[in-house]
Amino acid sequence: MKHGLLSQLRQLLFAWTGKQWDVGITIQLEILTLRDQLVNEIKLGREWGLITSHFRSVEVTDILLNSFK
């Protein structure tokens, strides 16, 4: 099944781009959302230690991204 899927995906990509593609399939046991990745990054920072030293029960509940135009 995996070989058939790879072959089909290569054919579709070639039809779309006109170029040959090397395609592989990997299995990832744990998938982190972008939010989870950002929360982990925040908690590894020096600032998080400072915040938690003053507010012991603090939690990250949301992440807002600003875009400037």
PDB file of N, CA and C in Angstrom:
ATOM      1  N   MET A   1       0.827  -1.193   0.000  1.00  0.00           N
ATOM      2  CA  MET A   1       0.000   0.000   0.000  1.00  0.00           C
ATOM      3  C   MET A   1       0.866   1.250   0.000  1.00  0.00           C
ATOM      4  N   LYS A   2       1.908   1.262   0.836  1.00  0.00           N
ATOM      5  CA  LYS A   2       2.756   2.435   0.931  1.00  0.00           C
ATOM      6  C   LYS A   2       3.404   2.748  -0.412  1.00  0.00           C
ATOM      7  N   HIS A   3       3.867   1.694  -1.131  1.00  0.00           N
ATOM      8  CA  HIS A   3       4.519   1.895  -2.414  1.00  0.00           C
ATOM      9  C   HIS A   3       3.547   2.489  -3.431  1.00  0.00           C
ATOM     10  N   GLY A   4       2.298   2.009  -3.440  1.00  0.00           N
ATOM     11  CA  GLY A   4       1.287   2.536  -4.353  1.00  0.00           C
ATOM     12  C   GLY A   4       0.975   3.996  -4.084  1.00  0.00           C
ATOM     13  N   LEU A   5       0.916   4.353  -2.820  1.00  0.00           N
ATOM     14  CA  LEU A   5       0.658   5.734  -2.436  1.00  0.00           C
ATOM     15  C   LEU A   5       1.805   6.636  -2.876  1.00  0.00           C
ATOM     16  N   LEU A   6       3.045   6.184  -2.660  1.00  0.00           N
ATOM     17  CA  LEU A   6       4.208   6.968  -3.078  1.00  0.00           C
ATOM     18  C   LEU A   6       4.221   7.172  -4.585  1.00  0.00           C
ATOM     19  N   SER A   7       3.929   6.110  -5.312  1.00  0.00           N
ATOM     20  CA  SER A   7       3.909   6.184  -6.770  1.00  0.00           C
ATOM     21  C   SER A   7       2.838   7.155  -7.252  1.00  0.00           C
ATOM     22  N   GLN A   8       1.676   7.060  -6.666  1.00  0.00           N
ATOM     23  CA  GLN A   8       0.575   7.944  -7.057  1.00  0.00           C
ATOM     24  C   GLN A   8       0.911   9.400  -6.738  1.00  0.00           C
ATOM     25  N   LEU A   9       1.497   9.639  -5.585  1.00  0.00           N
ATOM     26  CA  LEU A   9       1.866  10.993  -5.196  1.00  0.00           C
ATOM     27  C   LEU A   9       2.931  11.556  -6.133  1.00  0.00           C
ATOM     28  N   ARG A  10       3.928  10.741  -6.502  1.00  0.00           N
ATOM     29  CA  ARG A  10       4.949  11.174  -7.463  1.00  0.00           C
ATOM     30  C   ARG A  10       4.315  11.565  -8.795  1.00  0.00           C
ATOM     31  N   GLN A  11       3.372  10.735  -9.261  1.00  0.00           N
ATOM     32  CA  GLN A  11       2.707  11.009 -10.536  1.00  0.00           C
ATOM     33  C   GLN A  11       1.898  12.303 -10.482  1.00  0.00           C
ATOM     34  N   LEU A  12       1.187  12.515  -9.399  1.00  0.00           N
ATOM     35  CA  LEU A  12       0.404  13.738  -9.255  1.00  0.00           C
ATOM     36  C   LEU A  12       1.287  14.974  -9.209  1.00  0.00           C
ATOM     37  N   LEU A  13       2.396  14.883  -8.469  1.00  0.00           N
ATOM     38  CA  LEU A  13       3.320  16.016  -8.387  1.00  0.00           C
ATOM     39  C   LEU A  13       3.967  16.298  -9.738  1.00  0.00           C
ATOM     40  N   PHE A  14       4.304  15.247 -10.481  1.00  0.00           N
ATOM     41  CA  PHE A  14       4.880  15.429 -11.807  1.00  0.00           C
ATOM     42  C   PHE A  14       3.862  16.081 -12.750  1.00  0.00           C
ATOM     43  N   ALA A  15       2.616  15.622 -12.693  1.00  0.00           N
ATOM     44  CA  ALA A  15       1.575  16.202 -13.539  1.00  0.00           C
ATOM     45  C   ALA A  15       1.351  17.677 -13.213  1.00  0.00           C
ATOM     46  N   TRP A  16       1.498  18.024 -11.955  1.00  0.00           N
ATOM     47  CA  TRP A  16       1.257  19.391 -11.499  1.00  0.00           C
ATOM     48  C   TRP A  16       2.424  20.310 -11.837  1.00  0.00           C
ATOM     49  N   THR A  17       3.669  19.822 -11.668  1.00  0.00           N
ATOM     50  CA  THR A  17       4.836  20.703 -11.804  1.00  0.00           C
ATOM     51  C   THR A  17       5.684  20.423 -13.036  1.00  0.00           C
ATOM     52  N   GLY A  18       5.546  19.229 -13.614  1.00  0.00           N
ATOM     53  CA  GLY A  18       6.407  18.866 -14.730  1.00  0.00           C
ATOM     54  C   GLY A  18       7.811  18.469 -14.301  1.00  0.00           C
ATOM     55  N   LYS A  19       8.018  18.265 -13.018  1.00  0.00           N
ATOM     56  CA  LYS A  19       9.326  17.885 -12.470  1.00  0.00           C
ATOM     57  C   LYS A  19       9.198  16.590 -11.691  1.00  0.00           C
ATOM     58  N   GLN A  20      10.299  15.837 -11.643  1.00  0.00           N
ATOM     59  CA  GLN A  20      10.336  14.596 -10.867  1.00  0.00           C
ATOM     60  C   GLN A  20      10.482  14.932  -9.380  1.00  0.00           C
ATOM     61  N   TRP A  21       9.840  14.168  -8.538  1.00  0.00           N
ATOM     62  CA  TRP A  21       9.876  14.379  -7.092  1.00  0.00           C
ATOM     63  C   TRP A  21      10.330  13.104  -6.394  1.00  0.00           C
ATOM     64  N   ASP A  22      11.141  13.265  -5.352  1.00  0.00           N
ATOM     65  CA  ASP A  22      11.451  12.165  -4.437  1.00  0.00           C
ATOM     66  C   ASP A  22      10.491  12.294  -3.265  1.00  0.00           C
ATOM     67  N   VAL A  23       9.732  11.267  -3.020  1.00  0.00           N
ATOM     68  CA  VAL A  23       8.699  11.308  -1.987  1.00  0.00           C
ATOM     69  C   VAL A  23       8.958  10.186  -0.996  1.00  0.00           C
ATOM     70  N   GLY A  24       8.801  10.487   0.278  1.00  0.00           N
ATOM     71  CA  GLY A  24       8.953   9.481   1.320  1.00  0.00           C
ATOM     72  C   GLY A  24       7.843   9.616   2.341  1.00  0.00           C
ATOM     73  N   ILE A  25       7.587   8.545   3.033  1.00  0.00           N
ATOM     74  CA  ILE A  25       6.578   8.543   4.088  1.00  0.00           C
ATOM     75  C   ILE A  25       7.266   8.184   5.396  1.00  0.00           C
ATOM     76  N   THR A  26       7.006   8.982   6.409  1.00  0.00           N
ATOM     77  CA  THR A  26       7.525   8.684   7.739  1.00  0.00           C
ATOM     78  C   THR A  26       6.344   8.606   8.703  1.00  0.00           C
ATOM     79  N   ILE A  27       6.554   7.895   9.765  1.00  0.00           N
ATOM     80  CA  ILE A  27       5.535   7.772  10.792  1.00  0.00           C
ATOM     81  C   ILE A  27       6.006   8.547  12.011  1.00  0.00           C
ATOM     82  N   GLN A  28       5.182   9.482  12.438  1.00  0.00           N
ATOM     83  CA  GLN A  28       5.494  10.286  13.608  1.00  0.00           C
ATOM     84  C   GLN A  28       4.510   9.905  14.703  1.00  0.00           C
ATOM     85  N   LEU A  29       5.033   9.426  15.801  1.00  0.00           N
ATOM     86  CA  LEU A  29       4.166   8.934  16.871  1.00  0.00           C
ATOM     87  C   LEU A  29       3.437  10.056  17.597  1.00  0.00           C
ATOM     88  N   GLU A  30       4.099  11.190  17.755  1.00  0.00           N
ATOM     89  CA  GLU A  30       3.481  12.298  18.471  1.00  0.00           C
ATOM     90  C   GLU A  30       3.516  13.527  17.585  1.00  0.00           C
ATOM     91  N   ILE A  31       2.370  14.117  17.368  1.00  0.00           N
ATOM     92  CA  ILE A  31       2.279  15.308  16.537  1.00  0.00           C
ATOM     93  C   ILE A  31       1.931  16.485  17.438  1.00  0.00           C
ATOM     94  N   LEU A  32       2.783  17.518  17.405  1.00  0.00           N
ATOM     95  CA  LEU A  32       2.535  18.721  18.180  1.00  0.00           C
ATOM     96  C   LEU A  32       1.927  19.791  17.289  1.00  0.00           C
ATOM     97  N   THR A  33       0.885  20.434  17.783  1.00  0.00           N
ATOM     98  CA  THR A  33       0.303  21.539  17.046  1.00  0.00           C
ATOM     99  C   THR A  33       1.252  22.732  17.122  1.00  0.00           C
ATOM    100  N   LEU A  34       1.050  23.706  16.256  1.00  0.00           N
ATOM    101  CA  LEU A  34       1.868  24.917  16.291  1.00  0.00           C
ATOM    102  C   LEU A  34       1.732  25.597  17.648  1.00  0.00           C
ATOM    103  N   ARG A  35       0.521  25.608  18.188  1.00  0.00           N
ATOM    104  CA  ARG A  35       0.306  26.220  19.503  1.00  0.00           C
ATOM    105  C   ARG A  35       1.148  25.522  20.569  1.00  0.00           C
ATOM    106  N   ASP A  36       1.127  24.186  20.569  1.00  0.00           N
ATOM    107  CA  ASP A  36       1.912  23.432  21.553  1.00  0.00           C
ATOM    108  C   ASP A  36       3.406  23.695  21.392  1.00  0.00           C
ATOM    109  N   GLN A  37       3.859  23.795  20.150  1.00  0.00           N
ATOM    110  CA  GLN A  37       5.271  24.091  19.900  1.00  0.00           C
ATOM    111  C   GLN A  37       5.643  25.465  20.445  1.00  0.00           C
ATOM    112  N   LEU A  38       4.774  26.450  20.225  1.00  0.00           N
ATOM    113  CA  LEU A  38       5.042  27.803  20.719  1.00  0.00           C
ATOM    114  C   LEU A  38       5.013  27.860  22.238  1.00  0.00           C
ATOM    115  N   VAL A  39       4.060  27.157  22.849  1.00  0.00           N
ATOM    116  CA  VAL A  39       3.990  27.120  24.320  1.00  0.00           C
ATOM    117  C   VAL A  39       5.262  26.495  24.880  1.00  0.00           C
ATOM    118  N   ASN A  40       5.731  25.408  24.289  1.00  0.00           N
ATOM    119  CA  ASN A  40       6.976  24.786  24.748  1.00  0.00           C
ATOM    120  C   ASN A  40       8.146  25.744  24.630  1.00  0.00           C
ATOM    121  N   GLU A  41       8.201  26.481  23.523  1.00  0.00           N
ATOM    122  CA  GLU A  41       9.283  27.450  23.320  1.00  0.00           C
ATOM    123  C   GLU A  41       9.226  28.564  24.368  1.00  0.00           C
ATOM    124  N   ILE A  42       8.020  29.029  24.662  1.00  0.00           N
ATOM    125  CA  ILE A  42       7.846  30.074  25.672  1.00  0.00           C
ATOM    126  C   ILE A  42       8.330  29.574  27.035  1.00  0.00           C
ATOM    127  N   LYS A  43       7.946  28.356  27.384  1.00  0.00           N
ATOM    128  CA  LYS A  43       8.286  27.824  28.698  1.00  0.00           C
ATOM    129  C   LYS A  43       9.775  27.522  28.855  1.00  0.00           C
ATOM    130  N   LEU A  44      10.505  27.436  27.764  1.00  0.00           N
ATOM    131  CA  LEU A  44      11.950  27.243  27.841  1.00  0.00           C
ATOM    132  C   LEU A  44      12.704  28.565  28.000  1.00  0.00           C
ATOM    133  N   GLY A  45      12.007  29.674  27.797  1.00  0.00           N
ATOM    134  CA  GLY A  45      12.645  30.988  27.852  1.00  0.00           C
ATOM    135  C   GLY A  45      12.876  31.486  29.273  1.00  0.00           C
ATOM    136  N   ARG A  46      13.839  32.380  29.406  1.00  0.00           N
ATOM    137  CA  ARG A  46      14.186  32.983  30.695  1.00  0.00           C
ATOM    138  C   ARG A  46      13.012  33.756  31.292  1.00  0.00           C
ATOM    139  N   GLU A  47      12.237  34.394  30.421  1.00  0.00           N
ATOM    140  CA  GLU A  47      11.117  35.215  30.882  1.00  0.00           C
ATOM    141  C   GLU A  47      10.059  34.372  31.597  1.00  0.00           C
ATOM    142  N   TRP A  48       9.849  33.128  31.120  1.00  0.00           N
ATOM    143  CA  TRP A  48       8.847  32.261  31.746  1.00  0.00           C
ATOM    144  C   TRP A  48       9.235  31.956  33.196  1.00  0.00           C
ATOM    145  N   GLY A  49      10.509  31.740  33.430  1.00  0.00           N
ATOM    146  CA  GLY A  49      10.979  31.505  34.796  1.00  0.00           C
ATOM    147  C   GLY A  49      10.726  32.706  35.692  1.00  0.00           C
ATOM    148  N   LEU A  50      10.932  33.880  35.157  1.00  0.00           N
ATOM    149  CA  LEU A  50      10.682  35.113  35.917  1.00  0.00           C
ATOM    150  C   LEU A  50       9.195  35.256  36.236  1.00  0.00           C
ATOM    151  N   ILE A  51       8.363  35.002  35.244  1.00  0.00           N
ATOM    152  CA  ILE A  51       6.913  35.108  35.450  1.00  0.00           C
ATOM    153  C   ILE A  51       6.435  34.096  36.485  1.00  0.00           C
ATOM    154  N   THR A  52       6.875  32.840  36.357  1.00  0.00           N
ATOM    155  CA  THR A  52       6.396  31.805  37.280  1.00  0.00           C
ATOM    156  C   THR A  52       6.955  31.973  38.690  1.00  0.00           C
ATOM    157  N   SER A  53       8.063  32.676  38.821  1.00  0.00           N
ATOM    158  CA  SER A  53       8.578  32.921  40.175  1.00  0.00           C
ATOM    159  C   SER A  53       7.688  33.902  40.936  1.00  0.00           C
ATOM    160  N   HIS A  54       6.960  34.741  40.221  1.00  0.00           N
ATOM    161  CA  HIS A  54       6.054  35.709  40.859  1.00  0.00           C
ATOM    162  C   HIS A  54       4.598  35.247  40.847  1.00  0.00           C
ATOM    163  N   PHE A  55       4.235  34.455  39.848  1.00  0.00           N
ATOM    164  CA  PHE A  55       2.859  33.974  39.705  1.00  0.00           C
ATOM    165  C   PHE A  55       2.907  32.459  39.520  1.00  0.00           C
ATOM    166  N   ARG A  56       2.877  31.719  40.607  1.00  0.00           N
ATOM    167  CA  ARG A  56       3.112  30.272  40.586  1.00  0.00           C
ATOM    168  C   ARG A  56       2.083  29.483  39.765  1.00  0.00           C
ATOM    169  N   SER A  57       0.843  29.926  39.715  1.00  0.00           N
ATOM    170  CA  SER A  57      -0.191  29.149  39.033  1.00  0.00           C
ATOM    171  C   SER A  57      -0.486  29.658  37.616  1.00  0.00           C
ATOM    172  N   VAL A  58       0.407  30.446  37.052  1.00  0.00           N
ATOM    173  CA  VAL A  58       0.186  31.011  35.720  1.00  0.00           C
ATOM    174  C   VAL A  58       0.191  29.914  34.658  1.00  0.00           C
ATOM    175  N   GLU A  59      -0.651  30.080  33.637  1.00  0.00           N
ATOM    176  CA  GLU A  59      -0.725  29.150  32.518  1.00  0.00           C
ATOM    177  C   GLU A  59      -0.843  29.934  31.217  1.00  0.00           C
ATOM    178  N   VAL A  60      -0.388  29.345  30.137  1.00  0.00           N
ATOM    179  CA  VAL A  60      -0.592  29.928  28.812  1.00  0.00           C
ATOM    180  C   VAL A  60      -1.920  29.398  28.311  1.00  0.00           C
ATOM    181  N   THR A  61      -2.874  30.295  28.046  1.00  0.00           N
ATOM    182  CA  THR A  61      -4.189  29.869  27.581  1.00  0.00           C
ATOM    183  C   THR A  61      -4.426  30.176  26.108  1.00  0.00           C
ATOM    184  N   ASP A  62      -3.683  31.128  25.565  1.00  0.00           N
ATOM    185  CA  ASP A  62      -3.857  31.479  24.162  1.00  0.00           C
ATOM    186  C   ASP A  62      -2.605  32.183  23.671  1.00  0.00           C
ATOM    187  N   ILE A  63      -2.415  32.156  22.370  1.00  0.00           N
ATOM    188  CA  ILE A  63      -1.289  32.846  21.752  1.00  0.00           C
ATOM    189  C   ILE A  63      -1.850  33.698  20.630  1.00  0.00           C
ATOM    190  N   LEU A  64      -1.565  34.985  20.684  1.00  0.00           N
ATOM    191  CA  LEU A  64      -2.029  35.916  19.651  1.00  0.00           C
ATOM    192  C   LEU A  64      -0.815  36.370  18.844  1.00  0.00           C
ATOM    193  N   LEU A  65      -0.927  36.281  17.534  1.00  0.00           N
ATOM    194  CA  LEU A  65       0.150  36.723  16.660  1.00  0.00           C
ATOM    195  C   LEU A  65      -0.256  38.037  16.028  1.00  0.00           C
ATOM    196  N   ASN A  66       0.600  39.038  16.140  1.00  0.00           N
ATOM    197  CA  ASN A  66       0.342  40.332  15.529  1.00  0.00           C
ATOM    198  C   ASN A  66       1.005  40.397  14.171  1.00  0.00           C
ATOM    199  N   SER A  67       0.350  41.005  13.234  1.00  0.00           N
ATOM    200  CA  SER A  67       0.976  41.247  11.937  1.00  0.00           C
ATOM    201  C   SER A  67       0.896  42.734  11.644  1.00  0.00           C
ATOM    202  N   PHE A  68       2.002  43.280  11.238  1.00  0.00           N
ATOM    203  CA  PHE A  68       2.067  44.699  10.952  1.00  0.00           C
ATOM    204  C   PHE A  68       2.036  44.892   9.445  1.00  0.00           C
ATOM    205  N   LYS A  69       1.244  45.855   9.026  1.00  0.00           N
ATOM    206  CA  LYS A  69       1.145  46.143   7.594  1.00  0.00           C
ATOM    207  C   LYS A  69       1.771  47.465   7.270  1.00  0.00           C
TER     208      LYS A  69
END
